[in-house]
Amino acid sequence: MKRVMLFLGTNVAVLLVMSVSLRLLGVDRILEQGAGIDFEALLVFAALLGMGGSFISLALSKWTAIHMMGLRVIEEPADATEAWLVETVGRLAREAGIGTPDVAVYEGAEMNAFATGMDRDHALVAVSTGLLRGMRPEEVEAVLGHEVSHIANGDMVTLALIQGVVNTFVIVLSRVVGHVIDRVVLRNERGYGPGFFVATLVAQVVLGILASIIVFWFSRRREFRADAGGARLAGRAPMIAALRRLAAQHEAEPLPDQLAAFGISGRVGQGLARLFMTHPPIEERIAALEAMA
């Protein structure tokens, strides 16, 4: 639950930074038109901040991952394992119809891997040393197939688009709530008073949390598709075996928030926390694979 709250706190903080930026830049005053809101201008500014921020983050995702996780991109394989890793990712990428991603390794006792990148032909696949040590080659191949499927399915761009859209509407709707509180409830008729800014910030926090539920739902749906893609590329039995091995390990060290949705293993929870899971429970993922024709 702590990780869920930390993730939500990060998302809400980003939205609050956007809100403060609008105020400092004087945009809130520009968006006021007489006694109402210039919705057209508001939507344009919100889209620029919401969509622009999301896609800038995606464009920088490879660079961010390399420096945040201490990734070592394999340019010249240091041993047979790295050579096999590069060859396997290249073969799976060709079968999936995408360009060969960069391949990287990072130090980590947990078994995990992730994919990132804005372009499906110039992406990156990274695996932990713990995964290479803890899984059999056919299971590692299934995990690589899962990550290659994320790239082939365009999951990074899709989730960035969804995040951008919900951020846009959060910014717009929070200002509508602030306007109603300021004009209707507090009956302020000249400019925007403190009630507008307080109500806007509160609405932005609440709407930001609700919007995250939508993003997480899409993330979980995409995870089932990536599992199915890994099963098609590397075999259903190895994909199921890899998931079972992940289920048997102690709780994995979580990936950074920017990468969590595309790891093979991610945030799960119970009760209300299930609404904020990046990944479905592994038992459900295995059941879905077993039900495949």
Protein backbone atom coordinates (compact mmCIF):
# COMPACT_ATOMS: atom_id res chain seq x y z
CA MET A 1 0.00 0.00 0.00
CA LYS A 2 2.92 2.35 0.69
CA ARG A 3 4.10 1.95 -2.90
CA VAL A 4 0.63 2.70 -4.23
CA MET A 5 0.44 5.89 -2.19
CA LEU A 6 3.95 6.88 -3.29
CA PHE A 7 3.01 6.38 -6.94
CA LEU A 8 -0.22 8.34 -6.57
CA GLY A 9 1.68 11.04 -4.73
CA THR A 10 4.10 11.33 -7.64
CA ASN A 11 1.29 11.63 -10.18
CA VAL A 12 -0.59 14.19 -8.11
CA ALA A 13 2.63 16.16 -7.55
CA VAL A 14 3.14 16.39 -11.31
CA LEU A 15 -0.41 17.72 -11.74
CA LEU A 16 0.09 20.23 -8.93
CA VAL A 17 3.30 21.46 -10.56
CA MET A 18 1.32 21.97 -13.77
CA SER A 19 -1.34 23.89 -11.82
CA VAL A 20 1.19 26.15 -10.11
CA SER A 21 2.92 26.72 -13.45
CA LEU A 22 -0.36 27.89 -14.99
CA ARG A 23 -0.84 30.33 -12.14
CA LEU A 24 2.73 31.68 -12.14
CA LEU A 25 2.62 32.16 -15.90
CA GLY A 26 -0.60 34.12 -15.51
CA VAL A 27 -2.49 31.63 -17.63
CA ASP A 28 -5.37 31.41 -15.13
CA ARG A 29 -6.01 35.14 -15.62
CA ILE A 30 -5.80 34.78 -19.38
CA LEU A 31 -8.33 31.95 -19.30
CA GLU A 32 -10.89 34.09 -17.50
CA GLN A 33 -13.35 35.65 -19.94
CA GLY A 34 -15.70 38.09 -18.24
CA ALA A 35 -17.60 36.16 -15.61
CA GLY A 36 -16.83 32.79 -17.17
CA ILE A 37 -14.02 30.57 -18.45
CA ASP A 38 -12.58 30.62 -21.94
CA PHE A 39 -12.96 26.85 -22.39
CA GLU A 40 -11.27 26.79 -25.79
CA ALA A 41 -8.13 28.48 -24.47
CA LEU A 42 -8.21 26.36 -21.30
CA LEU A 43 -8.39 23.14 -23.30
CA VAL A 44 -5.46 24.21 -25.48
CA PHE A 45 -3.26 25.08 -22.51
CA ALA A 46 -4.29 21.93 -20.63
CA ALA A 47 -3.52 19.75 -23.65
CA LEU A 48 -0.13 21.38 -24.10
CA LEU A 49 0.76 20.67 -20.48
CA GLY A 50 -0.96 17.28 -20.09
CA MET A 51 -0.08 15.71 -23.44
CA GLY A 52 3.20 17.54 -23.89
CA GLY A 53 4.53 16.54 -20.48
CA SER A 54 3.55 12.92 -21.00
CA PHE A 55 5.24 12.59 -24.38
CA ILE A 56 8.34 14.50 -23.35
CA SER A 57 8.70 12.00 -20.50
CA LEU A 58 8.30 9.14 -22.98
CA ALA A 59 10.83 10.66 -25.39
CA LEU A 60 13.38 10.82 -22.56
CA SER A 61 12.49 7.37 -21.18
CA LYS A 62 15.49 5.49 -22.58
CA TRP A 63 17.97 8.09 -21.33
CA THR A 64 16.17 8.25 -17.97
CA ALA A 65 16.16 4.46 -17.58
CA ILE A 66 19.85 4.15 -18.41
CA HIS A 67 20.86 6.74 -15.81
CA MET A 68 18.23 5.99 -13.16
CA MET A 69 18.74 2.22 -13.15
CA GLY A 70 22.46 2.20 -13.92
CA LEU A 71 21.87 0.16 -17.07
CA ARG A 72 24.81 -1.18 -19.04
CA VAL A 73 23.79 -1.25 -22.69
CA ILE A 74 25.44 -4.22 -24.39
CA GLU A 75 27.45 -2.94 -27.34
CA GLU A 76 30.02 -5.73 -27.37
CA PRO A 77 28.92 -8.88 -25.47
CA ALA A 78 31.27 -9.60 -22.58
CA ASP A 79 30.46 -13.31 -22.41
CA ALA A 80 28.33 -16.09 -23.90
CA THR A 81 25.29 -15.12 -21.81
CA GLU A 82 25.28 -11.55 -23.13
CA ALA A 83 25.83 -12.79 -26.69
CA TRP A 84 22.84 -15.12 -26.32
CA LEU A 85 20.78 -12.30 -24.82
CA VAL A 86 21.47 -9.96 -27.76
CA GLU A 87 20.86 -12.69 -30.33
CA THR A 88 17.59 -13.78 -28.68
CA VAL A 89 16.18 -10.26 -28.45
CA GLY A 90 17.12 -9.66 -32.09
CA ARG A 91 15.41 -12.88 -33.23
CA LEU A 92 12.25 -12.19 -31.22
CA ALA A 93 12.12 -8.63 -32.55
CA ARG A 94 12.32 -9.88 -36.15
CA GLU A 95 9.51 -12.35 -35.47
CA ALA A 96 7.43 -9.54 -33.93
CA GLY A 97 8.09 -7.27 -36.92
CA ILE A 98 9.92 -4.48 -35.10
CA GLY A 99 13.42 -3.04 -35.19
CA THR A 100 15.98 -4.66 -32.92
CA PRO A 101 15.88 -2.95 -29.51
CA ASP A 102 18.96 -2.02 -27.55
CA VAL A 103 19.69 -4.66 -24.91
CA ALA A 104 20.86 -3.75 -21.42
CA VAL A 105 21.63 -5.44 -18.12
CA TYR A 106 21.37 -3.94 -14.64
CA GLU A 107 22.45 -5.18 -11.22
CA GLY A 108 19.57 -6.44 -9.12
CA ALA A 109 18.89 -9.48 -6.98
CA GLU A 110 15.22 -9.50 -7.97
CA MET A 111 14.02 -11.24 -11.14
CA ASN A 112 12.67 -8.47 -13.36
CA ALA A 113 12.91 -6.96 -16.82
CA PHE A 114 11.34 -4.02 -18.62
CA ALA A 115 11.04 -2.31 -21.97
CA THR A 116 10.92 1.39 -22.76
CA GLY A 117 11.28 3.83 -25.64
CA MET A 118 9.08 6.06 -27.75
CA ASP A 119 9.69 4.35 -31.10
CA ARG A 120 8.89 0.66 -31.60
CA ASP A 121 11.92 0.42 -33.92
CA HIS A 122 14.33 2.13 -31.49
CA ALA A 123 13.32 0.78 -28.09
CA LEU A 124 15.25 -0.78 -25.22
CA VAL A 125 14.90 -4.06 -23.34
CA ALA A 126 16.66 -4.41 -19.98
CA VAL A 127 16.97 -7.44 -17.69
CA SER A 128 18.24 -7.78 -14.16
CA THR A 129 21.19 -9.96 -13.27
CA GLY A 130 18.88 -11.69 -10.80
CA LEU A 131 16.60 -12.79 -13.65
CA LEU A 132 19.51 -14.15 -15.66
CA ARG A 133 20.72 -16.12 -12.65
CA GLY A 134 17.33 -17.27 -11.40
CA MET A 135 15.60 -18.47 -14.57
CA ARG A 136 16.26 -21.15 -17.12
CA PRO A 137 17.16 -19.99 -20.65
CA GLU A 138 13.71 -20.86 -22.05
CA GLU A 139 12.07 -18.87 -19.24
CA VAL A 140 14.34 -15.88 -19.86
CA GLU A 141 13.40 -16.11 -23.54
CA ALA A 142 9.71 -16.00 -22.60
CA VAL A 143 10.31 -12.89 -20.47
CA LEU A 144 12.15 -11.28 -23.39
CA GLY A 145 9.21 -12.20 -25.63
CA HIS A 146 6.88 -10.49 -23.15
CA GLU A 147 8.93 -7.28 -23.28
CA VAL A 148 9.29 -7.38 -27.07
CA SER A 149 5.50 -7.76 -27.25
CA HIS A 150 5.08 -4.59 -25.16
CA ILE A 151 7.12 -2.78 -27.80
CA ALA A 152 5.37 -4.40 -30.78
CA ASN A 153 1.95 -3.59 -29.29
CA GLY A 154 2.91 0.07 -28.92
CA ASP A 155 2.15 -0.05 -25.21
CA MET A 156 4.51 2.73 -24.22
CA VAL A 157 2.96 5.21 -26.65
CA THR A 158 -0.59 4.07 -25.80
CA LEU A 159 -0.15 4.56 -22.06
CA ALA A 160 1.57 7.91 -22.60
CA LEU A 161 -1.41 8.98 -24.72
CA ILE A 162 -3.90 7.81 -22.09
CA GLN A 163 -1.94 9.54 -19.31
CA GLY A 164 -1.82 12.72 -21.37
CA VAL A 165 -5.57 12.67 -22.05
CA VAL A 166 -6.54 12.11 -18.41
CA ASN A 167 -4.08 14.79 -17.25
CA THR A 168 -5.67 17.21 -19.73
CA PHE A 169 -9.17 16.57 -18.42
CA VAL A 170 -8.01 16.74 -14.79
CA ILE A 171 -6.57 20.20 -15.41
CA VAL A 172 -9.75 21.37 -17.18
CA LEU A 173 -12.27 19.86 -14.76
CA SER A 174 -10.40 21.04 -11.65
CA ARG A 175 -10.63 24.62 -12.94
CA VAL A 176 -14.32 24.21 -13.68
CA VAL A 177 -14.85 23.04 -10.08
CA GLY A 178 -12.80 25.97 -8.80
CA HIS A 179 -14.83 28.38 -10.94
CA VAL A 180 -18.15 27.01 -9.66
CA ILE A 181 -17.01 27.20 -6.02
CA ASP A 182 -15.69 30.72 -6.47
CA ARG A 183 -18.64 32.14 -8.43
CA VAL A 184 -21.67 30.12 -7.26
CA VAL A 185 -20.82 29.10 -3.69
CA LEU A 186 -18.66 32.02 -2.55
CA ARG A 187 -20.37 34.51 -4.93
CA ASN A 188 -17.14 36.20 -5.91
CA GLU A 189 -17.82 38.43 -8.94
CA ARG A 190 -14.46 40.11 -9.53
CA GLY A 191 -11.46 38.08 -10.56
CA TYR A 192 -10.62 34.82 -8.82
CA GLY A 193 -10.40 34.75 -5.04
CA PRO A 194 -8.59 32.30 -2.73
CA GLY A 195 -11.59 29.95 -2.95
CA PHE A 196 -10.87 29.31 -6.62
CA PHE A 197 -7.26 28.31 -6.04
CA VAL A 198 -7.99 26.15 -2.97
CA ALA A 199 -10.92 24.39 -4.67
CA THR A 200 -8.86 23.88 -7.85
CA LEU A 201 -5.98 22.27 -5.98
CA VAL A 202 -8.28 19.99 -3.95
CA ALA A 203 -10.21 18.97 -7.06
CA GLN A 204 -6.95 18.31 -8.88
CA VAL A 205 -5.77 15.95 -6.14
CA VAL A 206 -9.07 14.03 -6.06
CA LEU A 207 -9.48 13.89 -9.84
CA GLY A 208 -5.82 12.94 -10.25
CA ILE A 209 -6.32 9.89 -8.04
CA LEU A 210 -9.49 8.89 -9.90
CA ALA A 211 -7.74 9.36 -13.23
CA SER A 212 -4.93 7.06 -12.10
CA ILE A 213 -7.47 4.24 -11.78
CA ILE A 214 -8.14 4.52 -15.52
CA VAL A 215 -4.44 4.44 -16.36
CA PHE A 216 -3.83 1.41 -14.13
CA TRP A 217 -6.77 -0.45 -15.67
CA PHE A 218 -5.29 -0.03 -19.14
CA SER A 219 -1.89 -1.07 -17.80
CA ARG A 220 -3.31 -4.35 -16.49
CA ARG A 221 -5.10 -5.09 -19.76
CA ARG A 222 -1.87 -4.53 -21.69
CA GLU A 223 -0.06 -6.94 -19.39
CA PHE A 224 -2.33 -9.81 -20.42
CA ARG A 225 -1.63 -9.00 -24.08
CA ALA A 226 2.12 -8.94 -23.50
CA ASP A 227 1.92 -12.34 -21.76
CA ALA A 228 0.03 -13.73 -24.75
CA GLY A 229 2.65 -12.22 -27.07
CA GLY A 230 5.46 -13.77 -25.05
CA ALA A 231 3.69 -17.13 -25.27
CA ARG A 232 3.38 -16.85 -29.06
CA LEU A 233 7.02 -15.88 -29.49
CA ALA A 234 8.65 -18.25 -26.98
CA GLY A 235 6.02 -20.85 -26.16
CA ARG A 236 3.15 -20.96 -23.71
CA ALA A 237 4.78 -23.45 -21.31
CA PRO A 238 7.98 -21.36 -20.85
CA MET A 239 5.86 -18.21 -20.35
CA ILE A 240 3.80 -19.92 -17.64
CA ALA A 241 6.96 -21.34 -16.05
CA ALA A 242 8.55 -17.88 -15.98
CA LEU A 243 5.48 -16.41 -14.27
CA ARG A 244 5.44 -19.22 -11.71
CA ARG A 245 9.08 -18.57 -10.93
CA LEU A 246 8.27 -14.88 -10.44
CA ALA A 247 5.42 -15.82 -8.10
CA ALA A 248 7.79 -17.95 -6.02
CA GLN A 249 10.31 -15.18 -5.40
CA HIS A 250 10.04 -12.84 -2.46
CA GLU A 251 8.38 -9.50 -3.20
CA ALA A 252 10.47 -7.89 -5.94
CA GLU A 253 12.09 -4.50 -5.53
CA PRO A 254 9.78 -2.19 -7.50
CA LEU A 255 10.95 -0.48 -10.64
CA PRO A 256 10.83 3.33 -10.71
CA ASP A 257 7.34 4.71 -11.35
CA GLN A 258 8.17 5.70 -14.93
CA LEU A 259 9.05 2.08 -15.78
CA ALA A 260 6.75 0.10 -13.49
CA ALA A 261 4.00 -0.55 -16.03
CA PHE A 262 6.37 -2.35 -18.42
CA GLY A 263 8.24 -4.64 -16.05
CA ILE A 264 7.54 -8.37 -16.16
CA SER A 265 6.75 -8.11 -12.43
CA GLY A 266 5.05 -5.12 -10.87
CA ARG A 267 2.87 -3.60 -8.18
CA VAL A 268 -0.01 -5.70 -6.88
CA GLY A 269 -2.33 -5.21 -3.92
CA GLN A 270 -5.42 -6.26 -2.03
CA GLY A 271 -8.80 -4.61 -1.51
CA LEU A 272 -8.98 -1.06 -2.84
CA ALA A 273 -5.27 -1.23 -3.65
CA ARG A 274 -6.18 -3.59 -6.53
CA LEU A 275 -7.54 -0.55 -8.38
CA PHE A 276 -4.02 0.89 -8.44
CA MET A 277 -2.12 -2.24 -9.51
CA THR A 278 0.14 -1.87 -12.54
CA HIS A 279 -0.02 -5.66 -13.08
CA PRO A 280 -2.74 -8.28 -12.59
CA PRO A 281 -2.01 -10.94 -9.94
CA ILE A 282 0.30 -13.59 -11.39
CA GLU A 283 -2.28 -16.33 -10.74
CA GLU A 284 -4.72 -14.50 -13.05
CA ARG A 285 -2.05 -14.10 -15.70
CA ILE A 286 -1.24 -17.81 -15.58
CA ALA A 287 -4.95 -18.69 -15.77
CA ALA A 288 -5.33 -16.49 -18.85
CA LEU A 289 -2.42 -18.24 -20.56
CA GLU A 290 -3.77 -21.68 -19.65
CA ALA A 291 -7.10 -20.71 -21.21
CA MET A 292 -5.47 -19.75 -24.53
CA ALA A 293 -6.55 -21.92 -27.44
